[in-house]
Amino acid sequence: MARGFRLQWEEAQGCHVLLYPEGMVKLNRSAGEILARCTGTASVAEIVAELEAAFGATGLQGDVERFLDMARQQRWVELA
């Protein structure tokens, strides 16, 4: 996560939210699952593998990369 942003589960809304000083972004389930795995040490390949295992899916690499690119453009995450 980029400096100034914090991911948190919001029970009242039933979803993950991304908090920052100016406000909040309500995330859909996919976005929350991806960002929850952005630990600062996990590679994109590790995040994809974990998601595919957790949801019994394959071929998520492109979707995860597109989301992370958008998240980087929004300055929610910093990719090494």
PDB file of N, CA and C in Angstrom:
ATOM      1  N   MET A   1       0.851  -1.179   0.000  1.00  0.00           N
ATOM      2  CA  MET A   1       0.000   0.000   0.000  1.00  0.00           C
ATOM      3  C   MET A   1       0.896   1.242   0.000  1.00  0.00           C
ATOM      4  N   ALA A   2       0.438   2.226  -0.698  1.00  0.00           N
ATOM      5  CA  ALA A   2       1.184   3.475  -0.739  1.00  0.00           C
ATOM      6  C   ALA A   2       1.019   4.209   0.587  1.00  0.00           C
ATOM      7  N   ARG A   3       1.966   5.044   0.858  1.00  0.00           N
ATOM      8  CA  ARG A   3       1.931   5.845   2.078  1.00  0.00           C
ATOM      9  C   ARG A   3       0.655   6.687   2.089  1.00  0.00           C
ATOM     10  N   GLY A   4      -0.006   6.735   3.226  1.00  0.00           N
ATOM     11  CA  GLY A   4      -1.214   7.527   3.365  1.00  0.00           C
ATOM     12  C   GLY A   4      -2.506   6.759   3.128  1.00  0.00           C
ATOM     13  N   PHE A   5      -2.397   5.492   2.699  1.00  0.00           N
ATOM     14  CA  PHE A   5      -3.577   4.673   2.455  1.00  0.00           C
ATOM     15  C   PHE A   5      -3.603   3.505   3.434  1.00  0.00           C
ATOM     16  N   ARG A   6      -4.804   3.128   3.830  1.00  0.00           N
ATOM     17  CA  ARG A   6      -4.955   1.987   4.733  1.00  0.00           C
ATOM     18  C   ARG A   6      -6.155   1.170   4.295  1.00  0.00           C
ATOM     19  N   LEU A   7      -5.930  -0.120   4.140  1.00  0.00           N
ATOM     20  CA  LEU A   7      -7.003  -1.043   3.785  1.00  0.00           C
ATOM     21  C   LEU A   7      -7.616  -1.587   5.057  1.00  0.00           C
ATOM     22  N   GLN A   8      -8.940  -1.600   5.097  1.00  0.00           N
ATOM     23  CA  GLN A   8      -9.604  -2.124   6.287  1.00  0.00           C
ATOM     24  C   GLN A   8     -10.940  -2.742   5.893  1.00  0.00           C
ATOM     25  N   TRP A   9     -11.329  -3.779   6.634  1.00  0.00           N
ATOM     26  CA  TRP A   9     -12.643  -4.395   6.450  1.00  0.00           C
ATOM     27  C   TRP A   9     -13.652  -3.524   7.189  1.00  0.00           C
ATOM     28  N   GLU A  10     -14.698  -3.127   6.510  1.00  0.00           N
ATOM     29  CA  GLU A  10     -15.740  -2.302   7.097  1.00  0.00           C
ATOM     30  C   GLU A  10     -16.987  -3.160   7.272  1.00  0.00           C
ATOM     31  N   GLU A  11     -17.196  -3.619   8.494  1.00  0.00           N
ATOM     32  CA  GLU A  11     -18.297  -4.531   8.795  1.00  0.00           C
ATOM     33  C   GLU A  11     -19.650  -3.935   8.396  1.00  0.00           C
ATOM     34  N   ALA A  12     -19.849  -2.665   8.687  1.00  0.00           N
ATOM     35  CA  ALA A  12     -21.133  -2.022   8.399  1.00  0.00           C
ATOM     36  C   ALA A  12     -21.456  -2.034   6.906  1.00  0.00           C
ATOM     37  N   GLN A  13     -20.419  -1.961   6.067  1.00  0.00           N
ATOM     38  CA  GLN A  13     -20.633  -1.955   4.623  1.00  0.00           C
ATOM     39  C   GLN A  13     -20.466  -3.346   4.012  1.00  0.00           C
ATOM     40  N   GLY A  14     -19.906  -4.268   4.777  1.00  0.00           N
ATOM     41  CA  GLY A  14     -19.710  -5.630   4.299  1.00  0.00           C
ATOM     42  C   GLY A  14     -18.680  -5.739   3.196  1.00  0.00           C
ATOM     43  N   CYS A  15     -17.658  -4.881   3.260  1.00  0.00           N
ATOM     44  CA  CYS A  15     -16.629  -4.905   2.222  1.00  0.00           C
ATOM     45  C   CYS A  15     -15.336  -4.264   2.749  1.00  0.00           C
ATOM     46  N   HIS A  16     -14.276  -4.434   1.958  1.00  0.00           N
ATOM     47  CA  HIS A  16     -13.042  -3.723   2.246  1.00  0.00           C
ATOM     48  C   HIS A  16     -13.191  -2.281   1.772  1.00  0.00           C
ATOM     49  N   VAL A  17     -12.557  -1.381   2.490  1.00  0.00           N
ATOM     50  CA  VAL A  17     -12.496   0.016   2.078  1.00  0.00           C
ATOM     51  C   VAL A  17     -11.038   0.450   2.133  1.00  0.00           C
ATOM     52  N   LEU A  18     -10.718   1.412   1.309  1.00  0.00           N
ATOM     53  CA  LEU A  18      -9.392   1.995   1.294  1.00  0.00           C
ATOM     54  C   LEU A  18      -9.528   3.394   1.869  1.00  0.00           C
ATOM     55  N   LEU A  19      -8.891   3.609   3.016  1.00  0.00           N
ATOM     56  CA  LEU A  19      -8.992   4.896   3.699  1.00  0.00           C
ATOM     57  C   LEU A  19      -7.777   5.751   3.383  1.00  0.00           C
ATOM     58  N   TYR A  20      -8.014   7.038   3.225  1.00  0.00           N
ATOM     59  CA  TYR A  20      -6.930   7.996   3.016  1.00  0.00           C
ATOM     60  C   TYR A  20      -7.389   9.317   3.619  1.00  0.00           C
ATOM     61  N   PRO A  21      -6.480  10.269   3.834  1.00  0.00           N
ATOM     62  CA  PRO A  21      -6.849  11.486   4.566  1.00  0.00           C
ATOM     63  C   PRO A  21      -8.052  12.239   3.997  1.00  0.00           C
ATOM     64  N   GLU A  22      -8.238  12.233   2.690  1.00  0.00           N
ATOM     65  CA  GLU A  22      -9.328  12.982   2.087  1.00  0.00           C
ATOM     66  C   GLU A  22     -10.624  12.201   1.972  1.00  0.00           C
ATOM     67  N   GLY A  23     -10.618  10.912   2.300  1.00  0.00           N
ATOM     68  CA  GLY A  23     -11.844  10.157   2.155  1.00  0.00           C
ATOM     69  C   GLY A  23     -11.687   8.662   2.218  1.00  0.00           C
ATOM     70  N   MET A  24     -12.568   7.985   1.462  1.00  0.00           N
ATOM     71  CA  MET A  24     -12.636   6.536   1.506  1.00  0.00           C
ATOM     72  C   MET A  24     -13.082   6.027   0.136  1.00  0.00           C
ATOM     73  N   VAL A  25     -12.521   4.885  -0.267  1.00  0.00           N
ATOM     74  CA  VAL A  25     -12.947   4.207  -1.486  1.00  0.00           C
ATOM     75  C   VAL A  25     -13.546   2.872  -1.072  1.00  0.00           C
ATOM     76  N   LYS A  26     -14.797   2.645  -1.438  1.00  0.00           N
ATOM     77  CA  LYS A  26     -15.443   1.362  -1.183  1.00  0.00           C
ATOM     78  C   LYS A  26     -15.017   0.415  -2.301  1.00  0.00           C
ATOM     79  N   LEU A  27     -14.446  -0.725  -1.937  1.00  0.00           N
ATOM     80  CA  LEU A  27     -13.896  -1.666  -2.907  1.00  0.00           C
ATOM     81  C   LEU A  27     -14.843  -2.832  -3.145  1.00  0.00           C
ATOM     82  N   ASN A  28     -14.880  -3.310  -4.391  1.00  0.00           N
ATOM     83  CA  ASN A  28     -15.629  -4.535  -4.644  1.00  0.00           C
ATOM     84  C   ASN A  28     -14.814  -5.713  -4.106  1.00  0.00           C
ATOM     85  N   ARG A  29     -15.387  -6.885  -4.110  1.00  0.00           N
ATOM     86  CA  ARG A  29     -14.736  -8.042  -3.489  1.00  0.00           C
ATOM     87  C   ARG A  29     -13.387  -8.347  -4.136  1.00  0.00           C
ATOM     88  N   SER A  30     -13.327  -8.312  -5.462  1.00  0.00           N
ATOM     89  CA  SER A  30     -12.079  -8.623  -6.161  1.00  0.00           C
ATOM     90  C   SER A  30     -10.974  -7.656  -5.773  1.00  0.00           C
ATOM     91  N   ALA A  31     -11.287  -6.369  -5.789  1.00  0.00           N
ATOM     92  CA  ALA A  31     -10.293  -5.358  -5.432  1.00  0.00           C
ATOM     93  C   ALA A  31      -9.816  -5.547  -4.000  1.00  0.00           C
ATOM     94  N   GLY A  32     -10.747  -5.805  -3.098  1.00  0.00           N
ATOM     95  CA  GLY A  32     -10.371  -6.028  -1.696  1.00  0.00           C
ATOM     96  C   GLY A  32      -9.489  -7.245  -1.530  1.00  0.00           C
ATOM     97  N   GLU A  33      -9.805  -8.328  -2.233  1.00  0.00           N
ATOM     98  CA  GLU A  33      -9.001  -9.554  -2.138  1.00  0.00           C
ATOM     99  C   GLU A  33      -7.586  -9.328  -2.666  1.00  0.00           C
ATOM    100  N   ILE A  34      -7.463  -8.567  -3.753  1.00  0.00           N
ATOM    101  CA  ILE A  34      -6.132  -8.294  -4.300  1.00  0.00           C
ATOM    102  C   ILE A  34      -5.347  -7.403  -3.352  1.00  0.00           C
ATOM    103  N   LEU A  35      -5.938  -6.297  -2.928  1.00  0.00           N
ATOM    104  CA  LEU A  35      -5.217  -5.362  -2.066  1.00  0.00           C
ATOM    105  C   LEU A  35      -4.869  -5.975  -0.711  1.00  0.00           C
ATOM    106  N   ALA A  36      -5.709  -6.868  -0.217  1.00  0.00           N
ATOM    107  CA  ALA A  36      -5.413  -7.524   1.062  1.00  0.00           C
ATOM    108  C   ALA A  36      -4.143  -8.360   0.972  1.00  0.00           C
ATOM    109  N   ARG A  37      -3.763  -8.745  -0.234  1.00  0.00           N
ATOM    110  CA  ARG A  37      -2.570  -9.568  -0.433  1.00  0.00           C
ATOM    111  C   ARG A  37      -1.346  -8.735  -0.802  1.00  0.00           C
ATOM    112  N   CYS A  38      -1.512  -7.433  -0.899  1.00  0.00           N
ATOM    113  CA  CYS A  38      -0.391  -6.539  -1.190  1.00  0.00           C
ATOM    114  C   CYS A  38       0.320  -6.226   0.129  1.00  0.00           C
ATOM    115  N   THR A  39       1.226  -7.112   0.488  1.00  0.00           N
ATOM    116  CA  THR A  39       1.878  -7.047   1.792  1.00  0.00           C
ATOM    117  C   THR A  39       3.163  -6.236   1.793  1.00  0.00           C
ATOM    118  N   GLY A  40       3.648  -5.910   0.618  1.00  0.00           N
ATOM    119  CA  GLY A  40       4.946  -5.243   0.531  1.00  0.00           C
ATOM    120  C   GLY A  40       6.063  -6.226   0.279  1.00  0.00           C
ATOM    121  N   THR A  41       5.775  -7.512   0.464  1.00  0.00           N
ATOM    122  CA  THR A  41       6.786  -8.545   0.206  1.00  0.00           C
ATOM    123  C   THR A  41       6.336  -9.537  -0.858  1.00  0.00           C
ATOM    124  N   ALA A  42       5.030  -9.635  -1.088  1.00  0.00           N
ATOM    125  CA  ALA A  42       4.508 -10.598  -2.058  1.00  0.00           C
ATOM    126  C   ALA A  42       4.681 -10.065  -3.474  1.00  0.00           C
ATOM    127  N   SER A  43       5.130 -10.924  -4.361  1.00  0.00           N
ATOM    128  CA  SER A  43       5.238 -10.557  -5.776  1.00  0.00           C
ATOM    129  C   SER A  43       3.859 -10.666  -6.419  1.00  0.00           C
ATOM    130  N   VAL A  44       3.716 -10.098  -7.604  1.00  0.00           N
ATOM    131  CA  VAL A  44       2.454 -10.211  -8.333  1.00  0.00           C
ATOM    132  C   VAL A  44       2.154 -11.687  -8.598  1.00  0.00           C
ATOM    133  N   ALA A  45       3.171 -12.450  -8.971  1.00  0.00           N
ATOM    134  CA  ALA A  45       2.970 -13.886  -9.224  1.00  0.00           C
ATOM    135  C   ALA A  45       2.477 -14.601  -7.967  1.00  0.00           C
ATOM    136  N   GLU A  46       2.995 -14.236  -6.807  1.00  0.00           N
ATOM    137  CA  GLU A  46       2.553 -14.854  -5.550  1.00  0.00           C
ATOM    138  C   GLU A  46       1.111 -14.471  -5.230  1.00  0.00           C
ATOM    139  N   ILE A  47       0.756 -13.221  -5.498  1.00  0.00           N
ATOM    140  CA  ILE A  47      -0.615 -12.776  -5.259  1.00  0.00           C
ATOM    141  C   ILE A  47      -1.568 -13.542  -6.169  1.00  0.00           C
ATOM    142  N   VAL A  48      -1.204 -13.674  -7.441  1.00  0.00           N
ATOM    143  CA  VAL A  48      -2.034 -14.411  -8.396  1.00  0.00           C
ATOM    144  C   VAL A  48      -2.195 -15.861  -7.955  1.00  0.00           C
ATOM    145  N   ALA A  49      -1.096 -16.498  -7.585  1.00  0.00           N
ATOM    146  CA  ALA A  49      -1.149 -17.905  -7.167  1.00  0.00           C
ATOM    147  C   ALA A  49      -2.039 -18.077  -5.943  1.00  0.00           C
ATOM    148  N   GLU A  50      -1.936 -17.166  -5.001  1.00  0.00           N
ATOM    149  CA  GLU A  50      -2.754 -17.251  -3.790  1.00  0.00           C
ATOM    150  C   GLU A  50      -4.243 -17.068  -4.116  1.00  0.00           C
ATOM    151  N   LEU A  51      -4.556 -16.121  -4.980  1.00  0.00           N
ATOM    152  CA  LEU A  51      -5.950 -15.900  -5.381  1.00  0.00           C
ATOM    153  C   LEU A  51      -6.509 -17.101  -6.136  1.00  0.00           C
ATOM    154  N   GLU A  52      -5.718 -17.648  -7.056  1.00  0.00           N
ATOM    155  CA  GLU A  52      -6.180 -18.801  -7.823  1.00  0.00           C
ATOM    156  C   GLU A  52      -6.433 -19.995  -6.914  1.00  0.00           C
ATOM    157  N   ALA A  53      -5.572 -20.175  -5.922  1.00  0.00           N
ATOM    158  CA  ALA A  53      -5.766 -21.279  -4.975  1.00  0.00           C
ATOM    159  C   ALA A  53      -6.984 -21.031  -4.093  1.00  0.00           C
ATOM    160  N   ALA A  54      -7.143 -19.811  -3.625  1.00  0.00           N
ATOM    161  CA  ALA A  54      -8.240 -19.484  -2.713  1.00  0.00           C
ATOM    162  C   ALA A  54      -9.606 -19.615  -3.380  1.00  0.00           C
ATOM    163  N   PHE A  55      -9.675 -19.328  -4.686  1.00  0.00           N
ATOM    164  CA  PHE A  55     -10.958 -19.302  -5.360  1.00  0.00           C
ATOM    165  C   PHE A  55     -11.116 -20.392  -6.409  1.00  0.00           C
ATOM    166  N   GLY A  56     -10.157 -21.319  -6.463  1.00  0.00           N
ATOM    167  CA  GLY A  56     -10.251 -22.426  -7.410  1.00  0.00           C
ATOM    168  C   GLY A  56     -10.351 -21.951  -8.843  1.00  0.00           C
ATOM    169  N   ALA A  57      -9.608 -20.910  -9.156  1.00  0.00           N
ATOM    170  CA  ALA A  57      -9.662 -20.306 -10.492  1.00  0.00           C
ATOM    171  C   ALA A  57      -8.300 -20.398 -11.161  1.00  0.00           C
ATOM    172  N   THR A  58      -8.281 -20.184 -12.460  1.00  0.00           N
ATOM    173  CA  THR A  58      -7.032 -20.094 -13.206  1.00  0.00           C
ATOM    174  C   THR A  58      -7.131 -18.892 -14.144  1.00  0.00           C
ATOM    175  N   GLY A  59      -5.981 -18.442 -14.617  1.00  0.00           N
ATOM    176  CA  GLY A  59      -5.953 -17.361 -15.587  1.00  0.00           C
ATOM    177  C   GLY A  59      -6.236 -15.982 -15.032  1.00  0.00           C
ATOM    178  N   LEU A  60      -5.915 -15.752 -13.772  1.00  0.00           N
ATOM    179  CA  LEU A  60      -6.194 -14.457 -13.150  1.00  0.00           C
ATOM    180  C   LEU A  60      -5.074 -13.428 -13.347  1.00  0.00           C
ATOM    181  N   GLN A  61      -3.950 -13.853 -13.897  1.00  0.00           N
ATOM    182  CA  GLN A  61      -2.771 -12.984 -14.020  1.00  0.00           C
ATOM    183  C   GLN A  61      -3.123 -11.643 -14.682  1.00  0.00           C
ATOM    184  N   GLY A  62      -3.769 -11.681 -15.830  1.00  0.00           N
ATOM    185  CA  GLY A  62      -4.090 -10.448 -16.553  1.00  0.00           C
ATOM    186  C   GLY A  62      -5.005  -9.526 -15.772  1.00  0.00           C
ATOM    187  N   ASP A  63      -6.020 -10.098 -15.130  1.00  0.00           N
ATOM    188  CA  ASP A  63      -6.950  -9.285 -14.337  1.00  0.00           C
ATOM    189  C   ASP A  63      -6.241  -8.619 -13.169  1.00  0.00           C
ATOM    190  N   VAL A  64      -5.391  -9.374 -12.485  1.00  0.00           N
ATOM    191  CA  VAL A  64      -4.661  -8.830 -11.337  1.00  0.00           C
ATOM    192  C   VAL A  64      -3.710  -7.742 -11.805  1.00  0.00           C
ATOM    193  N   GLU A  65      -2.992  -7.980 -12.896  1.00  0.00           N
ATOM    194  CA  GLU A  65      -2.058  -6.972 -13.406  1.00  0.00           C
ATOM    195  C   GLU A  65      -2.792  -5.698 -13.818  1.00  0.00           C
ATOM    196  N   ARG A  66      -3.948  -5.820 -14.480  1.00  0.00           N
ATOM    197  CA  ARG A  66      -4.721  -4.640 -14.879  1.00  0.00           C
ATOM    198  C   ARG A  66      -5.209  -3.866 -13.655  1.00  0.00           C
ATOM    199  N   PHE A  67      -5.690  -4.591 -12.647  1.00  0.00           N
ATOM    200  CA  PHE A  67      -6.143  -3.907 -11.435  1.00  0.00           C
ATOM    201  C   PHE A  67      -4.977  -3.196 -10.759  1.00  0.00           C
ATOM    202  N   LEU A  68      -3.838  -3.874 -10.626  1.00  0.00           N
ATOM    203  CA  LEU A  68      -2.695  -3.247  -9.960  1.00  0.00           C
ATOM    204  C   LEU A  68      -2.170  -2.051 -10.745  1.00  0.00           C
ATOM    205  N   ASP A  69      -2.263  -2.097 -12.057  1.00  0.00           N
ATOM    206  CA  ASP A  69      -1.859  -0.948 -12.863  1.00  0.00           C
ATOM    207  C   ASP A  69      -2.784   0.233 -12.585  1.00  0.00           C
ATOM    208  N   MET A  70      -4.094  -0.020 -12.521  1.00  0.00           N
ATOM    209  CA  MET A  70      -5.044   1.035 -12.201  1.00  0.00           C
ATOM    210  C   MET A  70      -4.798   1.562 -10.785  1.00  0.00           C
ATOM    211  N   ALA A  71      -4.554   0.656  -9.837  1.00  0.00           N
ATOM    212  CA  ALA A  71      -4.302   1.052  -8.451  1.00  0.00           C
ATOM    213  C   ALA A  71      -3.021   1.888  -8.354  1.00  0.00           C
ATOM    214  N   ARG A  72      -2.026   1.545  -9.159  1.00  0.00           N
ATOM    215  CA  ARG A  72      -0.786   2.336  -9.181  1.00  0.00           C
ATOM    216  C   ARG A  72      -1.071   3.727  -9.746  1.00  0.00           C
ATOM    217  N   GLN A  73      -1.858   3.805 -10.801  1.00  0.00           N
ATOM    218  CA  GLN A  73      -2.198   5.103 -11.397  1.00  0.00           C
ATOM    219  C   GLN A  73      -2.979   5.973 -10.410  1.00  0.00           C
ATOM    220  N   GLN A  74      -3.805   5.332  -9.568  1.00  0.00           N
ATOM    221  CA  GLN A  74      -4.552   6.049  -8.543  1.00  0.00           C
ATOM    222  C   GLN A  74      -3.678   6.372  -7.328  1.00  0.00           C
ATOM    223  N   ARG A  75      -2.470   5.848  -7.326  1.00  0.00           N
ATOM    224  CA  ARG A  75      -1.487   6.019  -6.232  1.00  0.00           C
ATOM    225  C   ARG A  75      -1.906   5.307  -4.952  1.00  0.00           C
ATOM    226  N   TRP A  76      -2.712   4.210  -5.130  1.00  0.00           N
ATOM    227  CA  TRP A  76      -3.095   3.391  -3.975  1.00  0.00           C
ATOM    228  C   TRP A  76      -1.956   2.461  -3.586  1.00  0.00           C
ATOM    229  N   VAL A  77      -1.185   2.014  -4.554  1.00  0.00           N
ATOM    230  CA  VAL A  77      -0.071   1.086  -4.308  1.00  0.00           C
ATOM    231  C   VAL A  77       1.176   1.610  -5.003  1.00  0.00           C
ATOM    232  N   GLU A  78       2.288   1.167  -4.503  1.00  0.00           N
ATOM    233  CA  GLU A  78       3.585   1.438  -5.123  1.00  0.00           C
ATOM    234  C   GLU A  78       4.195   0.093  -5.470  1.00  0.00           C
ATOM    235  N   LEU A  79       4.475  -0.117  -6.752  1.00  0.00           N
ATOM    236  CA  LEU A  79       5.043  -1.383  -7.198  1.00  0.00           C
ATOM    237  C   LEU A  79       6.559  -1.244  -7.292  1.00  0.00           C
ATOM    238  N   ALA A  80       7.241  -2.268  -6.793  1.00  0.00           N
ATOM    239  CA  ALA A  80       8.708  -2.253  -6.831  1.00  0.00           C
ATOM    240  C   ALA A  80       9.205  -2.695  -8.191  1.00  0.00           C
TER     241      ALA A  80
END
